[in-house]
Amino acid sequence: MKKVIYSFLIAGLLASCSSDNNSSGEARKAKGGVYYGGVFRTNEVEDFRNLFPLNITEVTSHRIANQVYEGLVKLSQSDLTVIPGLAEKWEKNADATQWTFSIRKGIKFHDDACFPDGKGREVTAKDFKYCFDMLCTSSPENQQFGGTFKDRVVGANEYYQSTIDKKPIAGGVSGVKVVDDYTIQISLMHPFAGFLNIMSTPGCWLYPQEAHDKYGVDMRAKCVGTGPFQVKSVKEGEAVILERNPNYWNVDEHGNQLPYLDAVKYTFIKEKKSELLEFKRGNLDMIFRLPIEMIPDILGELDHAKEGNQPFDMQVVPAMSIFYYGFQHQSDIFDKKEVRLAFNYAIDREKIVNYTLQGEGIPGLFGIVPPSFKMYDHKSLKGYNFDADKARKYMATAGYPDGKGFPKLTLQINSGGGDRNIQTAEVIQKMLKENLNIDIDINVMPFAEQLESVETGKALFWRSGWVADYPDPEIFLTLLYSKHIPEKLSDKSYLNSVRYKSARFDSLFTAALQEPDDAKRMDLYRQADQQQIDDGSIMPIFYDENYRLVQKNVKNFPANAMEYRDFTRVYIEPQTEKPEAKK
């Protein structure tokens, strides 16, 4: 069904799509056939929450800030492998517990008023030491520690605790050492196969101490980094404009200074229909996902399609992301495993994907890890096939035969993401009523408000999603690691927001983290995944497939399983002719 839908989408849109030249100013040809100039225009249906590296907790903020900030390493947009960033090279010792990074010389921070002369100064190893110590500092603005240096870097846990006690250890994190101006060394508590992946994440991005001292919490939108683009303007809920960094350090294989684009513009149109219309008008250079409710109309345009000369490209890849519902395990309702399993067996995931989502996704019949990792044996997992009788038996065992005595529940969902959040919620609401005889209200909330409610333990049942920060199953399974749970329910639990606890899961997960053999590590991950399935830790609904429409003259913009975007080498080819608009 998937391939048929995609071919119809292309044909249906061809008849009504006209694209203006999206270049701003005159394009300038450079060596190797690339072009300088132009503004890449994209849209996000959710507002960004926070652009400060230590407080990036959702994908919109990541996509924007990833163009502004950099770390020692980064990911390749084409295949998601780890490639050099601000470090030109690195070395590790025999057991991979000590990593030494050589920092490029001559890299400068963006020009900004936080510096005495307004000019960005050169980056040194001391800047990384400062940022890594900040990563291990207790603060409401730091949501990255748990998924990065905690339990991994020597001295990280001790320094973090010392900041809680208001007595920071002199010298910061003992396992992070400045060797010289251009060399920094990080020592690990034990070998960790995914260490370089961790180093590519927002928590390890670089920013100057001068900016943090001057702007503090205002770094939510006031950004100073080293990346190919710098923030020109921010209008909350309307637009964010990033302009080309004229002093960027990197060049391409032909010697052209990067980036090629003059600017990147993010708008925040909330309705997917309006977003698609703007793409058809040529006012956006790409859209990510299509509005589900418009697919039948688009298919109806097939008869009017024209062959050849397609004005845009369709890019489709299996996604490293999951759409799921969370249970608050520390609540009186969902502390019972039988209730969680009843919910899981009571919904028909295949029907949701095939009919509600029009085939846009893969039914969540496996675990929390999406079936998009080549070495991960997801097919051996025993997930949740639809079984209403089994669901009712679990509910009766929990003390709620035929739903009697079960309290009315509210499902919290965020307002963004097009209409698929609402449509999916309404179908699941109906299935739970039909198969368990329970009543569910739906509360649609702004994304930032919902995240706050979930992370502070106020939500009992909610819609959530997770997109990989790096290509490893660990980034999904860490969401269920009990060491991420704070002592108090009211304290923020960013990673393990469902507050799931399982000694066996933790044992398997920690063993996997320390296993150097990839095949054995993946098997340990799979066993941990099966454990959380057996416990009903979450309610997987479906796994995404990333698809996007991109204007034909956009070049060097490959799709990937994480929808990881890096505009450093993207360029806009000038158009000599415009396709005819539909009359």
Protein backbone atom coordinates (compact mmCIF):
# COMPACT_ATOMS: atom_id res chain seq x y z
CA MET A 1 0.00 0.00 0.00
CA LYS A 2 2.85 2.38 0.83
CA LYS A 3 4.44 2.43 -2.63
CA VAL A 4 1.09 2.94 -4.34
CA ILE A 5 0.24 5.90 -2.11
CA TYR A 6 3.57 7.58 -2.75
CA SER A 7 3.30 7.27 -6.53
CA PHE A 8 -0.22 8.71 -6.42
CA LEU A 9 0.93 11.59 -4.24
CA ILE A 10 3.54 12.59 -6.78
CA ALA A 11 1.05 12.45 -9.63
CA GLY A 12 -1.67 14.30 -7.74
CA LEU A 13 0.56 17.15 -6.69
CA LEU A 14 2.14 17.60 -10.11
CA ALA A 15 -1.02 19.08 -11.54
CA SER A 16 -1.34 21.84 -8.99
CA CYS A 17 2.21 22.65 -7.92
CA SER A 18 4.01 25.71 -9.18
CA SER A 19 7.38 26.66 -7.73
CA ASP A 20 8.91 30.09 -7.88
CA ASN A 21 12.66 30.56 -7.83
CA ASN A 22 13.48 30.33 -4.13
CA SER A 23 16.71 32.24 -4.43
CA SER A 24 17.10 35.48 -2.55
CA GLY A 25 19.26 37.74 -4.63
CA GLU A 26 21.35 36.55 -7.55
CA ALA A 27 22.79 33.04 -7.39
CA ARG A 28 26.59 32.90 -7.65
CA LYS A 29 28.22 29.89 -9.26
CA ALA A 30 31.22 28.42 -7.45
CA LYS A 31 33.81 25.75 -8.21
CA GLY A 32 32.46 22.25 -8.73
CA GLY A 33 29.11 23.37 -10.13
CA VAL A 34 27.57 24.45 -6.83
CA TYR A 35 25.86 27.78 -6.20
CA TYR A 36 26.06 30.37 -3.45
CA GLY A 37 23.00 32.33 -2.41
CA GLY A 38 19.35 31.80 -1.64
CA VAL A 39 17.22 31.29 1.43
CA PHE A 40 16.12 27.78 2.30
CA ARG A 41 12.56 28.00 3.63
CA THR A 42 11.16 25.29 5.84
CA ASN A 43 8.31 24.98 8.32
CA GLU A 44 7.78 23.40 11.72
CA VAL A 45 4.28 22.66 13.02
CA GLU A 46 5.52 22.96 16.63
CA ASP A 47 7.10 26.06 18.17
CA PHE A 48 10.63 25.60 19.41
CA ARG A 49 10.90 25.18 23.16
CA ASN A 50 14.52 26.03 23.94
CA LEU A 51 17.63 26.50 21.77
CA PHE A 52 20.15 26.33 24.63
CA PRO A 53 22.13 23.10 24.06
CA LEU A 54 21.66 21.76 27.60
CA ASN A 55 17.89 22.30 27.48
CA ILE A 56 17.04 20.92 24.05
CA THR A 57 14.41 18.24 24.62
CA GLU A 58 12.40 18.18 21.39
CA VAL A 59 13.02 17.90 17.69
CA THR A 60 12.08 21.40 16.52
CA SER A 61 14.69 23.01 18.76
CA HIS A 62 17.26 20.44 17.64
CA ARG A 63 16.68 21.11 13.95
CA ILE A 64 17.23 24.83 14.42
CA ALA A 65 20.08 24.73 16.91
CA ASN A 66 21.95 22.07 14.92
CA GLN A 67 22.74 24.76 12.33
CA VAL A 68 24.10 27.16 14.98
CA TYR A 69 26.07 24.96 17.39
CA GLU A 70 28.72 22.29 16.86
CA GLY A 71 30.58 19.73 18.94
CA LEU A 72 33.82 17.84 18.64
CA VAL A 73 32.11 15.42 16.26
CA LYS A 74 28.89 15.43 14.24
CA LEU A 75 26.79 13.06 12.15
CA SER A 76 26.89 12.67 8.39
CA GLN A 77 23.57 13.75 6.91
CA SER A 78 23.79 11.05 4.25
CA ASP A 79 24.46 7.92 6.33
CA LEU A 80 24.49 9.08 10.00
CA THR A 81 28.07 7.95 10.61
CA VAL A 82 30.17 9.96 13.06
CA ILE A 83 32.45 12.44 11.28
CA PRO A 84 34.90 15.10 12.52
CA GLY A 85 33.43 18.37 13.73
CA LEU A 86 35.41 20.90 15.73
CA ALA A 87 37.91 18.10 16.38
CA GLU A 88 39.98 17.28 13.32
CA LYS A 89 40.91 13.86 14.74
CA TRP A 90 40.78 11.72 17.87
CA GLU A 91 42.54 8.77 19.46
CA LYS A 92 41.51 6.18 22.04
CA ASN A 93 43.52 3.91 24.28
CA ALA A 94 43.56 0.09 24.08
CA ASP A 95 40.36 -0.47 26.07
CA ALA A 96 38.56 2.63 24.72
CA THR A 97 38.28 4.26 28.14
CA GLN A 98 40.38 7.31 27.31
CA TRP A 99 39.65 9.55 24.33
CA THR A 100 41.90 12.37 23.18
CA PHE A 101 40.51 14.96 20.77
CA SER A 102 42.63 17.33 18.68
CA ILE A 103 40.75 20.62 18.17
CA ARG A 104 41.04 22.54 14.93
CA LYS A 105 42.99 25.77 15.13
CA GLY A 106 41.53 29.09 14.06
CA ILE A 107 37.84 28.31 14.77
CA LYS A 108 35.97 31.34 16.05
CA PHE A 109 32.70 31.87 17.85
CA HIS A 110 30.04 33.95 16.14
CA ASP A 111 30.48 37.70 16.45
CA ASP A 112 28.38 38.83 19.39
CA ALA A 113 28.06 41.56 21.99
CA CYS A 114 29.03 39.12 24.73
CA PHE A 115 32.67 39.59 23.65
CA PRO A 116 34.52 42.79 24.63
CA ASP A 117 34.98 43.97 21.03
CA GLY A 118 31.89 42.28 19.62
CA LYS A 119 34.08 39.93 17.59
CA GLY A 120 34.04 36.19 18.11
CA ARG A 121 37.26 34.93 19.67
CA GLU A 122 39.14 31.71 18.90
CA VAL A 123 37.97 28.41 20.38
CA THR A 124 40.34 26.54 22.71
CA ALA A 125 40.18 23.35 24.78
CA LYS A 126 39.24 25.43 27.83
CA ASP A 127 35.90 26.20 26.16
CA PHE A 128 35.11 22.50 25.93
CA LYS A 129 36.17 22.01 29.54
CA TYR A 130 33.76 24.77 30.58
CA CYS A 131 30.85 23.32 28.59
CA PHE A 132 31.46 19.75 29.78
CA ASP A 133 31.57 20.93 33.40
CA MET A 134 28.30 22.78 32.78
CA LEU A 135 26.87 19.55 31.32
CA CYS A 136 27.59 17.94 34.70
CA THR A 137 26.09 20.79 36.74
CA SER A 138 22.69 20.47 38.40
CA SER A 139 20.35 23.13 36.99
CA PRO A 140 16.75 23.47 35.77
CA GLU A 141 18.31 24.51 32.46
CA ASN A 142 20.24 21.23 32.14
CA GLN A 143 18.25 18.29 30.80
CA GLN A 144 21.18 16.60 29.03
CA PHE A 145 23.31 15.15 31.83
CA GLY A 146 21.38 11.89 32.25
CA GLY A 147 21.76 10.83 28.62
CA THR A 148 25.37 11.87 28.16
CA PHE A 149 28.11 11.90 30.83
CA LYS A 150 26.17 10.42 33.76
CA ASP A 151 27.53 6.99 34.79
CA ARG A 152 30.00 7.19 31.91
CA VAL A 153 32.64 9.87 32.39
CA VAL A 154 35.03 9.65 35.33
CA GLY A 155 34.08 12.20 37.98
CA ALA A 156 30.86 13.29 36.28
CA ASN A 157 28.51 11.87 38.92
CA GLU A 158 30.61 13.26 41.77
CA TYR A 159 30.77 16.73 40.28
CA TYR A 160 27.03 16.74 39.59
CA GLN A 161 26.31 15.83 43.22
CA SER A 162 28.72 18.51 44.46
CA THR A 163 26.73 21.13 42.55
CA ILE A 164 23.53 19.87 44.17
CA ASP A 165 25.25 20.29 47.53
CA LYS A 166 26.30 23.82 46.51
CA LYS A 167 29.96 22.86 46.96
CA PRO A 168 31.31 22.38 43.41
CA ILE A 169 34.48 20.31 43.29
CA ALA A 170 37.50 22.43 42.40
CA GLY A 171 38.69 21.66 38.90
CA GLY A 172 35.31 20.46 37.67
CA VAL A 173 34.84 16.96 36.25
CA SER A 174 38.03 15.02 36.96
CA GLY A 175 37.68 12.88 33.84
CA VAL A 176 37.76 15.91 31.53
CA LYS A 177 41.24 17.35 31.19
CA VAL A 178 42.75 20.16 29.12
CA VAL A 179 46.04 18.81 27.74
CA ASP A 180 46.91 22.02 25.87
CA ASP A 181 45.10 24.80 24.02
CA TYR A 182 44.00 22.45 21.25
CA THR A 183 43.75 19.07 22.99
CA ILE A 184 41.13 17.78 25.40
CA GLN A 185 41.01 14.33 27.00
CA ILE A 186 37.98 12.47 28.33
CA SER A 187 38.25 9.37 30.55
CA LEU A 188 35.39 6.88 30.82
CA MET A 189 34.43 4.69 33.77
CA HIS A 190 34.16 1.69 31.44
CA PRO A 191 34.25 1.02 27.69
CA PHE A 192 31.17 2.34 25.92
CA ALA A 193 30.55 1.49 22.28
CA GLY A 194 28.35 4.50 21.66
CA PHE A 195 30.63 7.18 23.11
CA LEU A 196 31.25 9.05 19.85
CA ASN A 197 27.50 9.05 19.16
CA ILE A 198 26.97 10.67 22.56
CA MET A 199 29.54 13.34 21.68
CA SER A 200 27.43 14.40 18.68
CA THR A 201 24.36 15.26 20.76
CA PRO A 202 23.26 18.76 21.92
CA GLY A 203 24.59 18.31 25.44
CA CYS A 204 28.12 18.18 24.01
CA TRP A 205 27.78 21.22 21.72
CA LEU A 206 30.03 24.23 22.30
CA TYR A 207 29.11 27.75 23.44
CA PRO A 208 31.28 30.48 25.02
CA GLN A 209 31.25 31.21 28.74
CA GLU A 210 30.91 34.90 27.90
CA ALA A 211 27.50 34.24 26.32
CA HIS A 212 26.28 32.18 29.24
CA ASP A 213 27.48 34.80 31.73
CA LYS A 214 25.81 37.63 29.81
CA TYR A 215 22.54 36.04 28.71
CA GLY A 216 21.86 33.24 31.23
CA VAL A 217 18.38 31.78 30.72
CA ASP A 218 17.92 34.07 27.73
CA MET A 219 20.14 31.66 25.80
CA ARG A 220 16.84 29.91 25.19
CA ALA A 221 16.69 32.09 22.07
CA LYS A 222 19.95 34.04 22.21
CA CYS A 223 22.44 31.73 20.54
CA VAL A 224 26.21 32.03 20.19
CA GLY A 225 28.01 29.09 18.63
CA THR A 226 30.52 28.22 15.93
CA GLY A 227 28.18 26.73 13.33
CA PRO A 228 27.62 27.58 9.66
CA PHE A 229 24.66 29.81 10.52
CA GLN A 230 23.97 32.36 13.23
CA VAL A 231 20.68 33.68 14.53
CA LYS A 232 19.54 36.86 12.81
CA SER A 233 16.04 37.18 14.24
CA VAL A 234 13.53 35.31 16.38
CA LYS A 235 9.81 36.06 16.35
CA GLU A 236 8.17 33.59 18.68
CA GLY A 237 5.54 31.49 16.90
CA GLU A 238 6.17 33.24 13.58
CA ALA A 239 9.69 32.83 12.23
CA VAL A 240 13.33 32.19 13.04
CA ILE A 241 15.88 33.41 10.51
CA LEU A 242 19.43 32.11 10.49
CA GLU A 243 22.00 33.95 8.38
CA ARG A 244 25.23 32.67 6.90
CA ASN A 245 28.25 32.78 9.20
CA PRO A 246 30.83 34.69 7.11
CA ASN A 247 33.66 33.43 9.31
CA TYR A 248 32.79 29.74 9.20
CA TRP A 249 35.86 27.51 9.37
CA ASN A 250 34.95 24.75 6.90
CA VAL A 251 35.44 24.50 3.11
CA ASP A 252 34.28 21.93 0.58
CA GLU A 253 36.44 19.63 -1.54
CA HIS A 254 36.83 22.38 -4.17
CA GLY A 255 38.01 24.99 -1.68
CA ASN A 256 34.69 26.86 -1.53
CA GLN A 257 33.97 28.30 1.90
CA LEU A 258 30.85 26.84 3.47
CA PRO A 259 27.92 27.24 3.79
CA TYR A 260 26.49 27.94 0.33
CA LEU A 261 23.12 29.32 1.47
CA ASP A 262 22.66 32.96 2.47
CA ALA A 263 20.08 32.04 5.09
CA VAL A 264 17.66 29.46 6.47
CA LYS A 265 14.16 30.57 7.42
CA TYR A 266 11.89 28.58 9.75
CA THR A 267 8.20 29.40 9.88
CA PHE A 268 5.66 27.89 12.29
CA ILE A 269 2.49 27.20 10.33
CA LYS A 270 0.50 24.87 12.58
CA GLU A 271 -1.89 23.40 10.00
CA LYS A 272 -0.49 20.77 7.64
CA LYS A 273 -3.00 21.75 4.93
CA SER A 274 -1.73 25.33 4.96
CA GLU A 275 1.85 24.09 4.96
CA LEU A 276 1.21 21.96 1.88
CA LEU A 277 -0.46 24.89 0.15
CA GLU A 278 2.59 27.06 0.80
CA PHE A 279 4.79 24.35 -0.71
CA LYS A 280 2.56 24.18 -3.80
CA ARG A 281 2.86 27.94 -4.17
CA GLY A 282 6.65 27.66 -4.07
CA ASN A 283 6.92 29.47 -0.74
CA LEU A 284 8.55 26.52 1.05
CA ASP A 285 11.49 24.43 -0.16
CA MET A 286 10.41 21.28 1.63
CA ILE A 287 7.64 19.80 3.74
CA PHE A 288 8.04 16.90 6.14
CA ARG A 289 5.01 14.58 6.22
CA LEU A 290 1.75 15.17 4.37
CA PRO A 291 -1.62 15.98 5.95
CA ILE A 292 -3.44 12.66 6.33
CA GLU A 293 -6.87 14.13 5.70
CA MET A 294 -5.79 15.44 2.30
CA ILE A 295 -4.43 12.17 0.92
CA PRO A 296 -7.76 11.12 -0.69
CA ASP A 297 -8.06 14.54 -2.36
CA ILE A 298 -4.50 14.35 -3.62
CA LEU A 299 -5.13 10.86 -5.01
CA GLY A 300 -8.19 12.24 -6.78
CA GLU A 301 -5.94 14.56 -8.78
CA LEU A 302 -4.27 11.56 -10.44
CA ASP A 303 -6.35 11.95 -13.63
CA HIS A 304 -4.95 15.45 -14.11
CA ALA A 305 -1.32 14.47 -13.62
CA LYS A 306 1.35 15.26 -16.18
CA GLU A 307 4.18 12.93 -17.10
CA GLY A 308 7.80 13.93 -16.56
CA ASN A 309 9.32 17.27 -15.53
CA GLN A 310 8.42 16.71 -11.91
CA PRO A 311 8.92 20.00 -10.03
CA PHE A 312 9.88 18.34 -6.76
CA ASP A 313 11.45 15.21 -5.30
CA MET A 314 9.87 12.70 -2.94
CA GLN A 315 12.29 11.33 -0.34
CA VAL A 316 11.26 8.31 1.76
CA VAL A 317 13.24 6.33 4.35
CA PRO A 318 12.28 4.12 7.33
CA ALA A 319 12.52 6.30 10.42
CA MET A 320 14.35 5.88 13.68
CA SER A 321 11.34 7.17 15.59
CA ILE A 322 8.34 5.88 17.52
CA PHE A 323 4.85 7.28 18.20
CA TYR A 324 3.62 5.92 21.54
CA TYR A 325 1.39 6.57 24.54
CA GLY A 326 2.92 6.85 27.99
CA PHE A 327 1.61 5.53 31.31
CA GLN A 328 2.56 7.15 34.62
CA HIS A 329 3.81 4.09 36.50
CA GLN A 330 3.81 5.92 39.84
CA SER A 331 0.05 6.53 39.64
CA ASP A 332 -2.58 4.37 41.33
CA ILE A 333 -4.01 3.45 37.93
CA PHE A 334 -0.98 2.39 35.93
CA ASP A 335 1.14 0.89 38.69
CA LYS A 336 -0.65 -2.38 37.83
CA LYS A 337 1.01 -4.25 34.98
CA GLU A 338 -2.28 -5.92 34.07
CA VAL A 339 -3.92 -2.55 33.30
CA ARG A 340 -1.03 -1.55 31.04
CA LEU A 341 -1.15 -4.88 29.19
CA ALA A 342 -4.94 -4.62 28.83
CA PHE A 343 -4.56 -1.25 27.13
CA ASN A 344 -1.89 -2.63 24.81
CA TYR A 345 -3.91 -5.65 23.65
CA ALA A 346 -7.13 -3.64 23.29
CA ILE A 347 -6.06 -1.58 20.26
CA ASP A 348 -5.71 -2.68 16.65
CA ARG A 349 -2.49 -1.07 15.44
CA GLU A 350 -2.74 -2.41 11.90
CA LYS A 351 -6.18 -0.85 11.47
CA ILE A 352 -4.85 2.47 12.84
CA VAL A 353 -2.00 2.54 10.33
CA ASN A 354 -3.93 1.26 7.32
CA TYR A 355 -7.08 3.34 7.73
CA THR A 356 -6.52 6.25 10.11
CA LEU A 357 -3.01 7.03 8.87
CA GLN A 358 -3.64 5.95 5.26
CA GLY A 359 -0.63 3.64 5.36
CA GLU A 360 1.78 6.28 6.63
CA GLY A 361 3.71 4.24 9.18
CA ILE A 362 4.51 0.76 10.46
CA PRO A 363 2.23 -0.79 13.13
CA GLY A 364 3.86 -0.78 16.58
CA LEU A 365 3.87 -4.56 16.94
CA PHE A 366 7.41 -4.78 18.27
CA GLY A 367 9.13 -2.96 21.14
CA ILE A 368 10.27 0.56 21.87
CA VAL A 369 13.11 0.25 19.35
CA PRO A 370 11.92 1.01 15.79
CA PRO A 371 12.50 -1.74 13.18
CA SER A 372 14.99 0.42 11.28
CA PHE A 373 18.27 -0.84 12.77
CA LYS A 374 19.95 -3.41 10.53
CA MET A 375 21.67 -5.45 13.27
CA TYR A 376 18.68 -5.43 15.63
CA ASP A 377 16.52 -8.59 15.50
CA HIS A 378 13.14 -6.96 16.02
CA LYS A 379 11.26 -9.85 14.39
CA SER A 380 12.09 -12.16 17.29
CA LEU A 381 10.32 -9.87 19.75
CA LYS A 382 6.86 -10.88 20.96
CA GLY A 383 4.85 -7.68 20.89
CA TYR A 384 1.16 -6.83 21.11
CA ASN A 385 -1.13 -8.30 18.47
CA PHE A 386 -4.72 -7.10 18.77
CA ASP A 387 -6.58 -9.45 21.13
CA ALA A 388 -9.71 -8.02 22.76
CA ASP A 389 -10.40 -11.18 24.80
CA LYS A 390 -6.89 -11.16 26.29
CA ALA A 391 -7.27 -7.43 27.02
CA ARG A 392 -10.53 -8.00 28.92
CA LYS A 393 -8.98 -10.84 30.94
CA TYR A 394 -6.09 -8.63 32.00
CA MET A 395 -8.55 -5.92 33.00
CA ALA A 396 -10.55 -8.36 35.08
CA THR A 397 -7.38 -9.63 36.77
CA ALA A 398 -6.54 -6.03 37.65
CA GLY A 399 -9.90 -5.76 39.43
CA TYR A 400 -11.93 -4.03 36.72
CA PRO A 401 -14.16 -6.69 35.09
CA ASP A 402 -15.85 -5.20 32.03
CA GLY A 403 -14.34 -1.86 33.02
CA LYS A 404 -16.38 -1.63 36.24
CA GLY A 405 -14.80 0.64 38.82
CA PHE A 406 -12.17 1.97 36.45
CA PRO A 407 -11.93 5.76 36.81
CA LYS A 408 -12.55 8.10 33.91
CA LEU A 409 -9.20 8.91 32.37
CA THR A 410 -7.81 11.85 30.40
CA LEU A 411 -5.48 11.31 27.46
CA GLN A 412 -3.18 14.30 26.95
CA ILE A 413 -2.00 14.97 23.42
CA ASN A 414 -0.08 17.88 21.94
CA SER A 415 -1.74 20.17 19.45
CA GLY A 416 0.99 20.04 16.79
CA GLY A 417 1.86 17.26 14.37
CA GLY A 418 -1.04 17.99 12.05
CA ASP A 419 -4.32 16.22 12.65
CA ARG A 420 -2.81 12.75 13.04
CA ASN A 421 -2.44 13.20 16.81
CA ILE A 422 -6.14 13.97 17.19
CA GLN A 423 -7.34 11.38 14.68
CA THR A 424 -5.23 8.64 16.26
CA ALA A 425 -6.42 9.60 19.74
CA GLU A 426 -10.07 9.49 18.72
CA VAL A 427 -9.69 6.02 17.21
CA ILE A 428 -7.90 4.70 20.30
CA GLN A 429 -10.52 6.33 22.53
CA LYS A 430 -13.18 4.37 20.64
CA MET A 431 -11.24 1.08 20.74
CA LEU A 432 -10.69 1.31 24.49
CA LYS A 433 -14.39 1.96 25.00
CA GLU A 434 -15.47 -0.92 22.76
CA ASN A 435 -12.97 -3.48 24.05
CA LEU A 436 -12.52 -2.50 27.71
CA ASN A 437 -15.68 -0.47 28.39
CA ILE A 438 -13.72 2.46 29.81
CA ASP A 439 -14.19 6.17 29.19
CA ILE A 440 -11.34 8.34 27.96
CA ASP A 441 -11.40 12.12 27.58
CA ILE A 442 -8.97 13.78 25.18
CA ASN A 443 -7.20 16.98 26.21
CA VAL A 444 -5.34 18.79 23.42
CA MET A 445 -2.54 20.98 24.79
CA PRO A 446 0.26 23.19 23.45
CA PHE A 447 3.41 21.08 23.12
CA ALA A 448 5.50 22.97 25.68
CA GLU A 449 2.69 22.78 28.24
CA GLN A 450 2.23 19.08 27.64
CA LEU A 451 5.96 18.37 28.03
CA GLU A 452 5.98 20.23 31.34
CA SER A 453 2.99 18.21 32.56
CA VAL A 454 4.56 14.90 31.50
CA GLU A 455 8.05 15.57 32.86
CA THR A 456 6.76 16.70 36.27
CA GLY A 457 4.55 13.63 36.72
CA LYS A 458 1.21 15.40 36.43
CA ALA A 459 0.04 13.54 33.32
CA LEU A 460 -1.28 9.99 33.76
CA PHE A 461 -1.81 8.97 30.12
CA TRP A 462 -0.35 10.88 27.20
CA ARG A 463 0.79 10.89 23.62
CA SER A 464 4.54 10.96 23.11
CA GLY A 465 7.13 10.37 20.43
CA TRP A 466 10.85 9.90 20.27
CA VAL A 467 13.28 10.55 17.43
CA ALA A 468 16.80 9.14 17.71
CA ASP A 469 19.57 11.60 18.60
CA TYR A 470 22.04 9.10 17.15
CA PRO A 471 21.70 5.76 15.32
CA ASP A 472 21.77 3.21 18.13
CA PRO A 473 18.95 1.30 19.92
CA GLU A 474 20.38 2.59 23.20
CA ILE A 475 18.82 6.02 22.59
CA PHE A 476 15.33 4.44 22.80
CA LEU A 477 15.95 1.96 25.60
CA THR A 478 17.49 4.63 27.81
CA LEU A 479 13.98 6.11 28.08
CA LEU A 480 13.15 3.20 30.40
CA TYR A 481 16.33 3.10 32.49
CA SER A 482 15.37 3.56 36.13
CA LYS A 483 18.49 5.56 37.04
CA HIS A 484 16.95 8.46 35.10
CA ILE A 485 14.04 8.69 37.57
CA PRO A 486 14.33 11.48 40.17
CA GLU A 487 13.46 10.90 43.82
CA LYS A 488 10.31 13.02 43.80
CA LEU A 489 7.38 12.67 41.43
CA SER A 490 7.25 16.44 41.03
CA ASP A 491 10.91 16.62 39.96
CA LYS A 492 11.44 16.65 36.20
CA SER A 493 12.01 13.27 34.61
CA TYR A 494 12.98 14.12 31.06
CA LEU A 495 14.16 10.72 29.80
CA ASN A 496 12.22 8.12 31.79
CA SER A 497 9.03 10.16 31.94
CA VAL A 498 6.87 7.04 32.44
CA ARG A 499 9.07 6.25 35.52
CA TYR A 500 9.32 2.56 34.66
CA LYS A 501 11.40 0.43 37.02
CA SER A 502 12.66 -3.09 36.35
CA ALA A 503 15.78 -4.64 37.88
CA ARG A 504 16.09 -7.11 35.01
CA PHE A 505 15.71 -4.43 32.36
CA ASP A 506 18.36 -2.30 34.08
CA SER A 507 20.73 -5.26 34.34
CA LEU A 508 20.42 -6.12 30.65
CA PHE A 509 20.66 -2.51 29.59
CA THR A 510 23.79 -1.75 31.62
CA ALA A 511 25.42 -4.98 30.40
CA ALA A 512 24.74 -3.90 26.82
CA LEU A 513 26.31 -0.50 27.41
CA GLN A 514 29.57 -2.15 28.42
CA GLU A 515 29.58 -4.87 25.75
CA PRO A 516 32.20 -4.14 23.03
CA ASP A 517 30.96 -6.86 20.65
CA ASP A 518 28.19 -5.36 18.48
CA ALA A 519 26.28 -8.62 17.93
CA LYS A 520 26.21 -9.44 21.66
CA ARG A 521 25.30 -5.85 22.51
CA MET A 522 22.33 -5.91 20.13
CA ASP A 523 21.11 -9.19 21.63
CA LEU A 524 21.27 -7.70 25.13
CA TYR A 525 19.30 -4.69 23.89
CA ARG A 526 16.73 -7.05 22.37
CA GLN A 527 16.34 -8.94 25.67
CA ALA A 528 15.86 -5.66 27.53
CA ASP A 529 13.26 -4.63 24.96
CA GLN A 530 11.38 -7.91 25.45
CA GLN A 531 11.38 -7.34 29.21
CA GLN A 532 9.73 -3.94 28.89
CA ILE A 533 7.18 -5.41 26.45
CA ASP A 534 6.29 -8.11 28.97
CA ASP A 535 5.85 -5.39 31.61
CA GLY A 536 3.72 -3.16 29.37
CA SER A 537 5.98 -0.20 30.09
CA ILE A 538 4.57 1.92 27.26
CA MET A 539 1.91 1.68 24.56
CA PRO A 540 3.63 1.67 21.15
CA ILE A 541 1.26 2.80 18.40
CA PHE A 542 3.37 2.97 15.24
CA TYR A 543 6.85 3.59 13.87
CA ASP A 544 7.27 6.41 11.41
CA GLU A 545 8.56 6.38 7.88
CA ASN A 546 10.23 9.67 7.07
CA TYR A 547 8.93 11.20 3.88
CA ARG A 548 9.27 14.68 2.57
CA LEU A 549 8.68 16.70 -0.58
CA VAL A 550 11.61 18.84 -1.69
CA GLN A 551 11.67 21.41 -4.46
CA LYS A 552 13.59 20.19 -7.51
CA ASN A 553 16.28 22.86 -7.40
CA VAL A 554 17.35 22.01 -3.83
CA LYS A 555 20.63 20.07 -3.94
CA ASN A 556 22.85 18.18 -1.46
CA PHE A 557 19.97 17.54 0.94
CA PRO A 558 19.79 13.75 1.43
CA ALA A 559 17.13 12.15 3.62
CA ASN A 560 18.04 9.89 6.52
CA ALA A 561 16.34 7.74 9.15
CA MET A 562 16.61 10.41 11.87
CA GLU A 563 15.47 13.36 9.74
CA TYR A 564 18.78 14.84 10.86
CA ARG A 565 19.24 18.10 8.98
CA ASP A 566 22.51 19.84 8.26
CA PHE A 567 22.35 22.78 5.87
CA THR A 568 26.12 23.30 5.68
CA ARG A 569 26.39 21.90 2.13
CA VAL A 570 22.84 22.42 0.86
CA TYR A 571 22.55 24.74 -2.13
CA ILE A 572 19.81 26.10 -4.39
CA GLU A 573 20.25 25.75 -8.11
CA PRO A 574 18.81 28.68 -10.09
CA GLN A 575 15.80 27.82 -12.22
CA THR A 576 15.71 28.95 -15.84
CA GLU A 577 12.09 28.00 -16.42
CA LYS A 578 9.07 27.81 -14.19
CA PRO A 579 6.61 24.91 -14.51
CA GLU A 580 3.16 25.91 -15.68
CA ALA A 581 0.65 26.44 -12.91
CA LYS A 582 -2.65 24.61 -13.00
CA LYS A 583 -5.40 26.70 -14.52
